[in-house]
Amino acid sequence: MIICITAQGNSLDAEIDPRFGRCAYFVFYDTESKQTEFVENQWKEAMGGAGIQSAQFVVQKGAKKVFTGRIGPNAEMVLKNAGIEIISASGKVKDIIEKL
């Protein structure tokens, strides 16, 4: 299963970014292969629609769960319509991965 974690940096020691649509990085972790991919959020500086575009990207990447701080209603709708579970989280990226 692929999970997505919003992060403030591109390392496992990075703090979870409390902003979904404007997070610095998306961390995609595959629980089966144990592979981790860091992707810089290209919509973090968008004038508008950052949440929806970020959510569509996460859906395209095949994530089944998203760990983040706060998520806007439009992005939440996109993720929930795609069947993605949203989990409120804080701390470090590695803490989430270790718990999986």
PDB file of N, CA and C in Angstrom:
ATOM      1  N   MET A   1       0.842  -1.175   0.000  1.00  0.00           N
ATOM      2  CA  MET A   1       0.000   0.000   0.000  1.00  0.00           C
ATOM      3  C   MET A   1       0.892   1.245   0.000  1.00  0.00           C
ATOM      4  N   ILE A   2       0.500   2.228  -0.753  1.00  0.00           N
ATOM      5  CA  ILE A   2       1.237   3.488  -0.804  1.00  0.00           C
ATOM      6  C   ILE A   2       0.560   4.484   0.127  1.00  0.00           C
ATOM      7  N   ILE A   3       1.386   5.104   0.976  1.00  0.00           N
ATOM      8  CA  ILE A   3       0.878   6.161   1.838  1.00  0.00           C
ATOM      9  C   ILE A   3       1.574   7.462   1.459  1.00  0.00           C
ATOM     10  N   CYS A   4       0.953   8.570   1.792  1.00  0.00           N
ATOM     11  CA  CYS A   4       1.511   9.892   1.541  1.00  0.00           C
ATOM     12  C   CYS A   4       1.606  10.635   2.868  1.00  0.00           C
ATOM     13  N   ILE A   5       2.755  11.261   3.102  1.00  0.00           N
ATOM     14  CA  ILE A   5       2.968  12.063   4.298  1.00  0.00           C
ATOM     15  C   ILE A   5       3.410  13.448   3.832  1.00  0.00           C
ATOM     16  N   THR A   6       2.778  14.501   4.344  1.00  0.00           N
ATOM     17  CA  THR A   6       3.245  15.848   4.000  1.00  0.00           C
ATOM     18  C   THR A   6       4.438  16.171   4.895  1.00  0.00           C
ATOM     19  N   ALA A   7       5.494  16.739   4.299  1.00  0.00           N
ATOM     20  CA  ALA A   7       6.720  16.978   5.050  1.00  0.00           C
ATOM     21  C   ALA A   7       7.284  18.371   4.796  1.00  0.00           C
ATOM     22  N   GLN A   8       8.002  18.879   5.797  1.00  0.00           N
ATOM     23  CA  GLN A   8       8.634  20.189   5.682  1.00  0.00           C
ATOM     24  C   GLN A   8       9.996  20.107   4.996  1.00  0.00           C
ATOM     25  N   GLY A   9      10.522  18.908   4.804  1.00  0.00           N
ATOM     26  CA  GLY A   9      11.817  18.716   4.151  1.00  0.00           C
ATOM     27  C   GLY A   9      11.856  17.385   3.433  1.00  0.00           C
ATOM     28  N   ASN A  10      12.990  17.115   2.784  1.00  0.00           N
ATOM     29  CA  ASN A  10      13.095  15.882   1.995  1.00  0.00           C
ATOM     30  C   ASN A  10      13.966  14.828   2.681  1.00  0.00           C
ATOM     31  N   SER A  11      13.684  14.592   3.954  1.00  0.00           N
ATOM     32  CA  SER A  11      14.364  13.523   4.674  1.00  0.00           C
ATOM     33  C   SER A  11      13.392  12.878   5.650  1.00  0.00           C
ATOM     34  N   LEU A  12      13.754  11.704   6.120  1.00  0.00           N
ATOM     35  CA  LEU A  12      12.899  11.001   7.072  1.00  0.00           C
ATOM     36  C   LEU A  12      12.849  11.723   8.418  1.00  0.00           C
ATOM     37  N   ASP A  13      13.860  12.563   8.693  1.00  0.00           N
ATOM     38  CA  ASP A  13      13.901  13.333   9.935  1.00  0.00           C
ATOM     39  C   ASP A  13      13.080  14.621   9.860  1.00  0.00           C
ATOM     40  N   ALA A  14      12.528  14.918   8.698  1.00  0.00           N
ATOM     41  CA  ALA A  14      11.738  16.144   8.528  1.00  0.00           C
ATOM     42  C   ALA A  14      10.457  16.067   9.348  1.00  0.00           C
ATOM     43  N   GLU A  15      10.017  17.233   9.796  1.00  0.00           N
ATOM     44  CA  GLU A  15       8.748  17.331  10.511  1.00  0.00           C
ATOM     45  C   GLU A  15       7.593  17.188   9.511  1.00  0.00           C
ATOM     46  N   ILE A  16       6.492  16.638   9.979  1.00  0.00           N
ATOM     47  CA  ILE A  16       5.285  16.565   9.161  1.00  0.00           C
ATOM     48  C   ILE A  16       4.800  17.992   8.938  1.00  0.00           C
ATOM     49  N   ASP A  17       4.532  18.320   7.683  1.00  0.00           N
ATOM     50  CA  ASP A  17       4.059  19.670   7.356  1.00  0.00           C
ATOM     51  C   ASP A  17       2.588  19.756   7.732  1.00  0.00           C
ATOM     52  N   PRO A  18       2.211  20.765   8.528  1.00  0.00           N
ATOM     53  CA  PRO A  18       0.810  20.862   8.937  1.00  0.00           C
ATOM     54  C   PRO A  18      -0.128  21.311   7.818  1.00  0.00           C
ATOM     55  N   ARG A  19       0.431  21.739   6.672  1.00  0.00           N
ATOM     56  CA  ARG A  19      -0.400  22.211   5.548  1.00  0.00           C
ATOM     57  C   ARG A  19      -0.389  21.150   4.453  1.00  0.00           C
ATOM     58  N   PHE A  20      -1.537  20.728   4.027  1.00  0.00           N
ATOM     59  CA  PHE A  20      -1.582  19.730   2.955  1.00  0.00           C
ATOM     60  C   PHE A  20      -1.268  20.355   1.598  1.00  0.00           C
ATOM     61  N   GLY A  21      -2.108  21.245   1.132  1.00  0.00           N
ATOM     62  CA  GLY A  21      -1.972  21.790  -0.218  1.00  0.00           C
ATOM     63  C   GLY A  21      -0.732  22.613  -0.447  1.00  0.00           C
ATOM     64  N   ARG A  22      -0.182  23.176   0.609  1.00  0.00           N
ATOM     65  CA  ARG A  22       1.004  24.024   0.485  1.00  0.00           C
ATOM     66  C   ARG A  22       2.203  23.453   1.239  1.00  0.00           C
ATOM     67  N   CYS A  23       2.185  22.153   1.449  1.00  0.00           N
ATOM     68  CA  CYS A  23       3.322  21.514   2.107  1.00  0.00           C
ATOM     69  C   CYS A  23       4.568  21.649   1.228  1.00  0.00           C
ATOM     70  N   ALA A  24       5.731  21.520   1.833  1.00  0.00           N
ATOM     71  CA  ALA A  24       6.979  21.619   1.074  1.00  0.00           C
ATOM     72  C   ALA A  24       7.206  20.359   0.223  1.00  0.00           C
ATOM     73  N   TYR A  25       6.977  19.192   0.821  1.00  0.00           N
ATOM     74  CA  TYR A  25       7.208  17.921   0.129  1.00  0.00           C
ATOM     75  C   TYR A  25       6.083  16.940   0.412  1.00  0.00           C
ATOM     76  N   PHE A  26       5.889  16.050  -0.550  1.00  0.00           N
ATOM     77  CA  PHE A  26       5.063  14.870  -0.348  1.00  0.00           C
ATOM     78  C   PHE A  26       6.027  13.694  -0.237  1.00  0.00           C
ATOM     79  N   VAL A  27       5.825  12.881   0.774  1.00  0.00           N
ATOM     80  CA  VAL A  27       6.622  11.666   0.930  1.00  0.00           C
ATOM     81  C   VAL A  27       5.697  10.498   0.623  1.00  0.00           C
ATOM     82  N   PHE A  28       6.065   9.712  -0.370  1.00  0.00           N
ATOM     83  CA  PHE A  28       5.293   8.521  -0.721  1.00  0.00           C
ATOM     84  C   PHE A  28       6.081   7.310  -0.242  1.00  0.00           C
ATOM     85  N   TYR A  29       5.427   6.484   0.566  1.00  0.00           N
ATOM     86  CA  TYR A  29       6.072   5.308   1.129  1.00  0.00           C
ATOM     87  C   TYR A  29       5.246   4.083   0.775  1.00  0.00           C
ATOM     88  N   ASP A  30       5.909   3.091   0.197  1.00  0.00           N
ATOM     89  CA  ASP A  30       5.254   1.835  -0.177  1.00  0.00           C
ATOM     90  C   ASP A  30       5.490   0.827   0.945  1.00  0.00           C
ATOM     91  N   THR A  31       4.429   0.431   1.625  1.00  0.00           N
ATOM     92  CA  THR A  31       4.564  -0.463   2.773  1.00  0.00           C
ATOM     93  C   THR A  31       5.013  -1.873   2.379  1.00  0.00           C
ATOM     94  N   GLU A  32       4.851  -2.231   1.118  1.00  0.00           N
ATOM     95  CA  GLU A  32       5.258  -3.562   0.677  1.00  0.00           C
ATOM     96  C   GLU A  32       6.730  -3.598   0.267  1.00  0.00           C
ATOM     97  N   SER A  33       7.150  -2.660  -0.580  1.00  0.00           N
ATOM     98  CA  SER A  33       8.536  -2.655  -1.068  1.00  0.00           C
ATOM     99  C   SER A  33       9.475  -1.888  -0.144  1.00  0.00           C
ATOM    100  N   LYS A  34       8.915  -1.124   0.801  1.00  0.00           N
ATOM    101  CA  LYS A  34       9.678  -0.276   1.733  1.00  0.00           C
ATOM    102  C   LYS A  34      10.409   0.859   1.011  1.00  0.00           C
ATOM    103  N   GLN A  35       9.972   1.208  -0.191  1.00  0.00           N
ATOM    104  CA  GLN A  35      10.573   2.295  -0.964  1.00  0.00           C
ATOM    105  C   GLN A  35       9.974   3.627  -0.525  1.00  0.00           C
ATOM    106  N   THR A  36      10.826   4.651  -0.474  1.00  0.00           N
ATOM    107  CA  THR A  36      10.396   5.996  -0.108  1.00  0.00           C
ATOM    108  C   THR A  36      10.747   6.950  -1.246  1.00  0.00           C
ATOM    109  N   GLU A  37       9.797   7.800  -1.598  1.00  0.00           N
ATOM    110  CA  GLU A  37      10.019   8.802  -2.646  1.00  0.00           C
ATOM    111  C   GLU A  37       9.622  10.173  -2.100  1.00  0.00           C
ATOM    112  N   PHE A  38      10.533  11.139  -2.257  1.00  0.00           N
ATOM    113  CA  PHE A  38      10.259  12.520  -1.851  1.00  0.00           C
ATOM    114  C   PHE A  38       9.990  13.333  -3.106  1.00  0.00           C
ATOM    115  N   VAL A  39       8.841  14.034  -3.117  1.00  0.00           N
ATOM    116  CA  VAL A  39       8.470  14.842  -4.275  1.00  0.00           C
ATOM    117  C   VAL A  39       8.176  16.258  -3.792  1.00  0.00           C
ATOM    118  N   GLU A  40       8.916  17.231  -4.344  1.00  0.00           N
ATOM    119  CA  GLU A  40       8.664  18.620  -3.983  1.00  0.00           C
ATOM    120  C   GLU A  40       7.281  19.024  -4.473  1.00  0.00           C
ATOM    121  N   ASN A  41       6.547  19.740  -3.656  1.00  0.00           N
ATOM    122  CA  ASN A  41       5.193  20.163  -4.001  1.00  0.00           C
ATOM    123  C   ASN A  41       5.256  21.346  -4.960  1.00  0.00           C
ATOM    124  N   GLN A  42       4.914  21.102  -6.195  1.00  0.00           N
ATOM    125  CA  GLN A  42       4.980  22.168  -7.204  1.00  0.00           C
ATOM    126  C   GLN A  42       3.850  23.177  -7.087  1.00  0.00           C
ATOM    127  N   TRP A  43       2.872  22.911  -6.223  1.00  0.00           N
ATOM    128  CA  TRP A  43       1.739  23.831  -6.061  1.00  0.00           C
ATOM    129  C   TRP A  43       1.818  24.657  -4.781  1.00  0.00           C
ATOM    130  N   LYS A  44       2.908  24.538  -4.021  1.00  0.00           N
ATOM    131  CA  LYS A  44       2.998  25.228  -2.732  1.00  0.00           C
ATOM    132  C   LYS A  44       2.952  26.744  -2.853  1.00  0.00           C
ATOM    133  N   GLU A  45       3.331  27.295  -4.010  1.00  0.00           N
ATOM    134  CA  GLU A  45       3.309  28.741  -4.221  1.00  0.00           C
ATOM    135  C   GLU A  45       2.159  29.176  -5.142  1.00  0.00           C
ATOM    136  N   ALA A  46       1.245  28.265  -5.443  1.00  0.00           N
ATOM    137  CA  ALA A  46       0.145  28.579  -6.370  1.00  0.00           C
ATOM    138  C   ALA A  46      -0.723  29.705  -5.831  1.00  0.00           C
ATOM    139  N   MET A  47      -1.234  30.518  -6.734  1.00  0.00           N
ATOM    140  CA  MET A  47      -2.112  31.625  -6.347  1.00  0.00           C
ATOM    141  C   MET A  47      -3.451  31.108  -5.797  1.00  0.00           C
ATOM    142  N   GLY A  48      -3.893  29.984  -6.277  1.00  0.00           N
ATOM    143  CA  GLY A  48      -5.144  29.381  -5.824  1.00  0.00           C
ATOM    144  C   GLY A  48      -5.228  27.946  -6.285  1.00  0.00           C
ATOM    145  N   GLY A  49      -6.051  27.167  -5.640  1.00  0.00           N
ATOM    146  CA  GLY A  49      -6.262  25.779  -6.049  1.00  0.00           C
ATOM    147  C   GLY A  49      -5.171  24.807  -5.650  1.00  0.00           C
ATOM    148  N   ALA A  50      -4.291  25.228  -4.734  1.00  0.00           N
ATOM    149  CA  ALA A  50      -3.173  24.364  -4.339  1.00  0.00           C
ATOM    150  C   ALA A  50      -3.673  23.047  -3.737  1.00  0.00           C
ATOM    151  N   GLY A  51      -4.700  23.122  -2.923  1.00  0.00           N
ATOM    152  CA  GLY A  51      -5.205  21.918  -2.270  1.00  0.00           C
ATOM    153  C   GLY A  51      -5.777  20.914  -3.243  1.00  0.00           C
ATOM    154  N   ILE A  52      -6.584  21.386  -4.164  1.00  0.00           N
ATOM    155  CA  ILE A  52      -7.192  20.482  -5.153  1.00  0.00           C
ATOM    156  C   ILE A  52      -6.131  19.857  -6.045  1.00  0.00           C
ATOM    157  N   GLN A  53      -5.199  20.673  -6.533  1.00  0.00           N
ATOM    158  CA  GLN A  53      -4.146  20.141  -7.405  1.00  0.00           C
ATOM    159  C   GLN A  53      -3.257  19.149  -6.660  1.00  0.00           C
ATOM    160  N   SER A  54      -2.943  19.463  -5.410  1.00  0.00           N
ATOM    161  CA  SER A  54      -2.144  18.539  -4.602  1.00  0.00           C
ATOM    162  C   SER A  54      -2.892  17.227  -4.379  1.00  0.00           C
ATOM    163  N   ALA A  55      -4.177  17.326  -4.088  1.00  0.00           N
ATOM    164  CA  ALA A  55      -4.988  16.127  -3.864  1.00  0.00           C
ATOM    165  C   ALA A  55      -5.061  15.265  -5.123  1.00  0.00           C
ATOM    166  N   GLN A  56      -5.242  15.899  -6.274  1.00  0.00           N
ATOM    167  CA  GLN A  56      -5.286  15.145  -7.538  1.00  0.00           C
ATOM    168  C   GLN A  56      -3.958  14.437  -7.787  1.00  0.00           C
ATOM    169  N   PHE A  57      -2.853  15.095  -7.446  1.00  0.00           N
ATOM    170  CA  PHE A  57      -1.535  14.483  -7.599  1.00  0.00           C
ATOM    171  C   PHE A  57      -1.397  13.253  -6.705  1.00  0.00           C
ATOM    172  N   VAL A  58      -1.825  13.369  -5.464  1.00  0.00           N
ATOM    173  CA  VAL A  58      -1.749  12.248  -4.521  1.00  0.00           C
ATOM    174  C   VAL A  58      -2.608  11.079  -5.006  1.00  0.00           C
ATOM    175  N   VAL A  59      -3.772  11.383  -5.557  1.00  0.00           N
ATOM    176  CA  VAL A  59      -4.633  10.333  -6.125  1.00  0.00           C
ATOM    177  C   VAL A  59      -3.913   9.643  -7.281  1.00  0.00           C
ATOM    178  N   GLN A  60      -3.306  10.417  -8.172  1.00  0.00           N
ATOM    179  CA  GLN A  60      -2.588   9.850  -9.326  1.00  0.00           C
ATOM    180  C   GLN A  60      -1.419   8.968  -8.905  1.00  0.00           C
ATOM    181  N   LYS A  61      -0.800   9.304  -7.777  1.00  0.00           N
ATOM    182  CA  LYS A  61       0.337   8.518  -7.284  1.00  0.00           C
ATOM    183  C   LYS A  61      -0.108   7.207  -6.637  1.00  0.00           C
ATOM    184  N   GLY A  62      -1.413   7.032  -6.444  1.00  0.00           N
ATOM    185  CA  GLY A  62      -1.934   5.769  -5.936  1.00  0.00           C
ATOM    186  C   GLY A  62      -1.953   5.625  -4.423  1.00  0.00           C
ATOM    187  N   ALA A  63      -1.854   6.735  -3.703  1.00  0.00           N
ATOM    188  CA  ALA A  63      -1.873   6.662  -2.238  1.00  0.00           C
ATOM    189  C   ALA A  63      -3.235   6.186  -1.735  1.00  0.00           C
ATOM    190  N   LYS A  64      -3.206   5.442  -0.640  1.00  0.00           N
ATOM    191  CA  LYS A  64      -4.437   4.963  -0.010  1.00  0.00           C
ATOM    192  C   LYS A  64      -4.698   5.654   1.324  1.00  0.00           C
ATOM    193  N   LYS A  65      -3.640   6.255   1.897  1.00  0.00           N
ATOM    194  CA  LYS A  65      -3.762   7.006   3.144  1.00  0.00           C
ATOM    195  C   LYS A  65      -2.903   8.257   3.033  1.00  0.00           C
ATOM    196  N   VAL A  66      -3.363   9.338   3.674  1.00  0.00           N
ATOM    197  CA  VAL A  66      -2.604  10.584   3.734  1.00  0.00           C
ATOM    198  C   VAL A  66      -2.458  10.985   5.195  1.00  0.00           C
ATOM    199  N   PHE A  67      -1.221  11.232   5.606  1.00  0.00           N
ATOM    200  CA  PHE A  67      -0.924  11.720   6.944  1.00  0.00           C
ATOM    201  C   PHE A  67      -0.509  13.182   6.811  1.00  0.00           C
ATOM    202  N   THR A  68      -1.237  14.077   7.441  1.00  0.00           N
ATOM    203  CA  THR A  68      -0.983  15.503   7.321  1.00  0.00           C
ATOM    204  C   THR A  68      -1.514  16.224   8.546  1.00  0.00           C
ATOM    205  N   GLY A  69      -1.299  17.522   8.582  1.00  0.00           N
ATOM    206  CA  GLY A  69      -1.839  18.336   9.662  1.00  0.00           C
ATOM    207  C   GLY A  69      -3.264  18.740   9.335  1.00  0.00           C
ATOM    208  N   ARG A  70      -3.406  19.865   8.655  1.00  0.00           N
ATOM    209  CA  ARG A  70      -4.735  20.380   8.307  1.00  0.00           C
ATOM    210  C   ARG A  70      -4.948  20.276   6.803  1.00  0.00           C
ATOM    211  N   ILE A  71      -6.167  19.968   6.440  1.00  0.00           N
ATOM    212  CA  ILE A  71      -6.495  19.840   5.015  1.00  0.00           C
ATOM    213  C   ILE A  71      -7.767  20.640   4.738  1.00  0.00           C
ATOM    214  N   GLY A  72      -7.756  21.367   3.632  1.00  0.00           N
ATOM    215  CA  GLY A  72      -8.918  22.180   3.279  1.00  0.00           C
ATOM    216  C   GLY A  72     -10.074  21.326   2.784  1.00  0.00           C
ATOM    217  N   PRO A  73     -11.279  21.897   2.780  1.00  0.00           N
ATOM    218  CA  PRO A  73     -12.469  21.123   2.405  1.00  0.00           C
ATOM    219  C   PRO A  73     -12.466  20.637   0.954  1.00  0.00           C
ATOM    220  N   ASN A  74     -11.921  21.416   0.029  1.00  0.00           N
ATOM    221  CA  ASN A  74     -11.911  20.980  -1.377  1.00  0.00           C
ATOM    222  C   ASN A  74     -10.944  19.822  -1.583  1.00  0.00           C
ATOM    223  N   ALA A  75      -9.763  19.918  -0.996  1.00  0.00           N
ATOM    224  CA  ALA A  75      -8.796  18.826  -1.106  1.00  0.00           C
ATOM    225  C   ALA A  75      -9.325  17.577  -0.401  1.00  0.00           C
ATOM    226  N   GLU A  76      -9.966  17.771   0.742  1.00  0.00           N
ATOM    227  CA  GLU A  76     -10.536  16.649   1.478  1.00  0.00           C
ATOM    228  C   GLU A  76     -11.586  15.926   0.633  1.00  0.00           C
ATOM    229  N   MET A  77     -12.405  16.685  -0.067  1.00  0.00           N
ATOM    230  CA  MET A  77     -13.431  16.095  -0.914  1.00  0.00           C
ATOM    231  C   MET A  77     -12.799  15.251  -2.032  1.00  0.00           C
ATOM    232  N   VAL A  78     -11.761  15.775  -2.677  1.00  0.00           N
ATOM    233  CA  VAL A  78     -11.088  15.033  -3.750  1.00  0.00           C
ATOM    234  C   VAL A  78     -10.534  13.714  -3.214  1.00  0.00           C
ATOM    235  N   LEU A  79      -9.858  13.776  -2.071  1.00  0.00           N
ATOM    236  CA  LEU A  79      -9.256  12.561  -1.503  1.00  0.00           C
ATOM    237  C   LEU A  79     -10.318  11.556  -1.062  1.00  0.00           C
ATOM    238  N   LYS A  80     -11.342  12.028  -0.392  1.00  0.00           N
ATOM    239  CA  LYS A  80     -12.386  11.110   0.088  1.00  0.00           C
ATOM    240  C   LYS A  80     -13.152  10.486  -1.072  1.00  0.00           C
ATOM    241  N   ASN A  81     -13.401  11.253  -2.122  1.00  0.00           N
ATOM    242  CA  ASN A  81     -14.073  10.698  -3.307  1.00  0.00           C
ATOM    243  C   ASN A  81     -13.242   9.615  -3.974  1.00  0.00           C
ATOM    244  N   ALA A  82     -11.917   9.683  -3.788  1.00  0.00           N
ATOM    245  CA  ALA A  82     -11.029   8.665  -4.346  1.00  0.00           C
ATOM    246  C   ALA A  82     -10.817   7.499  -3.375  1.00  0.00           C
ATOM    247  N   GLY A  83     -11.474   7.564  -2.206  1.00  0.00           N
ATOM    248  CA  GLY A  83     -11.362   6.481  -1.235  1.00  0.00           C
ATOM    249  C   GLY A  83     -10.098   6.527  -0.399  1.00  0.00           C
ATOM    250  N   ILE A  84      -9.469   7.690  -0.319  1.00  0.00           N
ATOM    251  CA  ILE A  84      -8.226   7.833   0.436  1.00  0.00           C
ATOM    252  C   ILE A  84      -8.555   8.251   1.867  1.00  0.00           C
ATOM    253  N   GLU A  85      -7.977   7.527   2.807  1.00  0.00           N
ATOM    254  CA  GLU A  85      -8.168   7.833   4.223  1.00  0.00           C
ATOM    255  C   GLU A  85      -7.247   8.983   4.621  1.00  0.00           C
ATOM    256  N   ILE A  86      -7.774   9.959   5.357  1.00  0.00           N
ATOM    257  CA  ILE A  86      -6.999  11.113   5.812  1.00  0.00           C
ATOM    258  C   ILE A  86      -6.787  10.985   7.311  1.00  0.00           C
ATOM    259  N   ILE A  87      -5.525  11.038   7.728  1.00  0.00           N
ATOM    260  CA  ILE A  87      -5.172  10.858   9.129  1.00  0.00           C
ATOM    261  C   ILE A  87      -4.411  12.086   9.610  1.00  0.00           C
ATOM    262  N   SER A  88      -4.907  12.711  10.659  1.00  0.00           N
ATOM    263  CA  SER A  88      -4.245  13.872  11.249  1.00  0.00           C
ATOM    264  C   SER A  88      -2.981  13.397  11.965  1.00  0.00           C
ATOM    265  N   ALA A  89      -1.853  14.065  11.681  1.00  0.00           N
ATOM    266  CA  ALA A  89      -0.585  13.614  12.244  1.00  0.00           C
ATOM    267  C   ALA A  89       0.334  14.796  12.524  1.00  0.00           C
ATOM    268  N   SER A  90       1.273  14.566  13.430  1.00  0.00           N
ATOM    269  CA  SER A  90       2.330  15.530  13.709  1.00  0.00           C
ATOM    270  C   SER A  90       3.568  14.733  14.117  1.00  0.00           C
ATOM    271  N   GLY A  91       4.687  15.414  14.229  1.00  0.00           N
ATOM    272  CA  GLY A  91       5.929  14.728  14.557  1.00  0.00           C
ATOM    273  C   GLY A  91       6.818  14.622  13.345  1.00  0.00           C
ATOM    274  N   LYS A  92       7.625  13.583  13.295  1.00  0.00           N
ATOM    275  CA  LYS A  92       8.563  13.384  12.189  1.00  0.00           C
ATOM    276  C   LYS A  92       8.047  12.328  11.211  1.00  0.00           C
ATOM    277  N   VAL A  93       8.479  12.451   9.976  1.00  0.00           N
ATOM    278  CA  VAL A  93       8.090  11.496   8.933  1.00  0.00           C
ATOM    279  C   VAL A  93       8.452  10.077   9.347  1.00  0.00           C
ATOM    280  N   LYS A  94       9.659   9.904   9.871  1.00  0.00           N
ATOM    281  CA  LYS A  94      10.123   8.545  10.236  1.00  0.00           C
ATOM    282  C   LYS A  94       9.235   7.908  11.305  1.00  0.00           C
ATOM    283  N   ASP A  95       8.617   8.743  12.181  1.00  0.00           N
ATOM    284  CA  ASP A  95       7.739   8.193  13.215  1.00  0.00           C
ATOM    285  C   ASP A  95       6.532   7.490  12.615  1.00  0.00           C
ATOM    286  N   ILE A  96       5.965   8.105  11.559  1.00  0.00           N
ATOM    287  CA  ILE A  96       4.809   7.497  10.871  1.00  0.00           C
ATOM    288  C   ILE A  96       5.236   6.186  10.211  1.00  0.00           C
ATOM    289  N   ILE A  97       6.352   6.229   9.496  1.00  0.00           N
ATOM    290  CA  ILE A  97       6.822   5.038   8.774  1.00  0.00           C
ATOM    291  C   ILE A  97       7.139   3.906   9.743  1.00  0.00           C
ATOM    292  N   GLU A  98       7.773   4.218  10.866  1.00  0.00           N
ATOM    293  CA  GLU A  98       8.110   3.179  11.856  1.00  0.00           C
ATOM    294  C   GLU A  98       6.863   2.539  12.433  1.00  0.00           C
ATOM    295  N   LYS A  99       5.779   3.313  12.583  1.00  0.00           N
ATOM    296  CA  LYS A  99       4.531   2.767  13.137  1.00  0.00           C
ATOM    297  C   LYS A  99       3.826   1.844  12.151  1.00  0.00           C
ATOM    298  N   LEU A 100       4.136   1.988  10.865  1.00  0.00           N
ATOM    299  CA  LEU A 100       3.494   1.144   9.863  1.00  0.00           C
ATOM    300  C   LEU A 100       4.139  -0.229   9.862  1.00  0.00           C
TER     301      LEU A 100
END
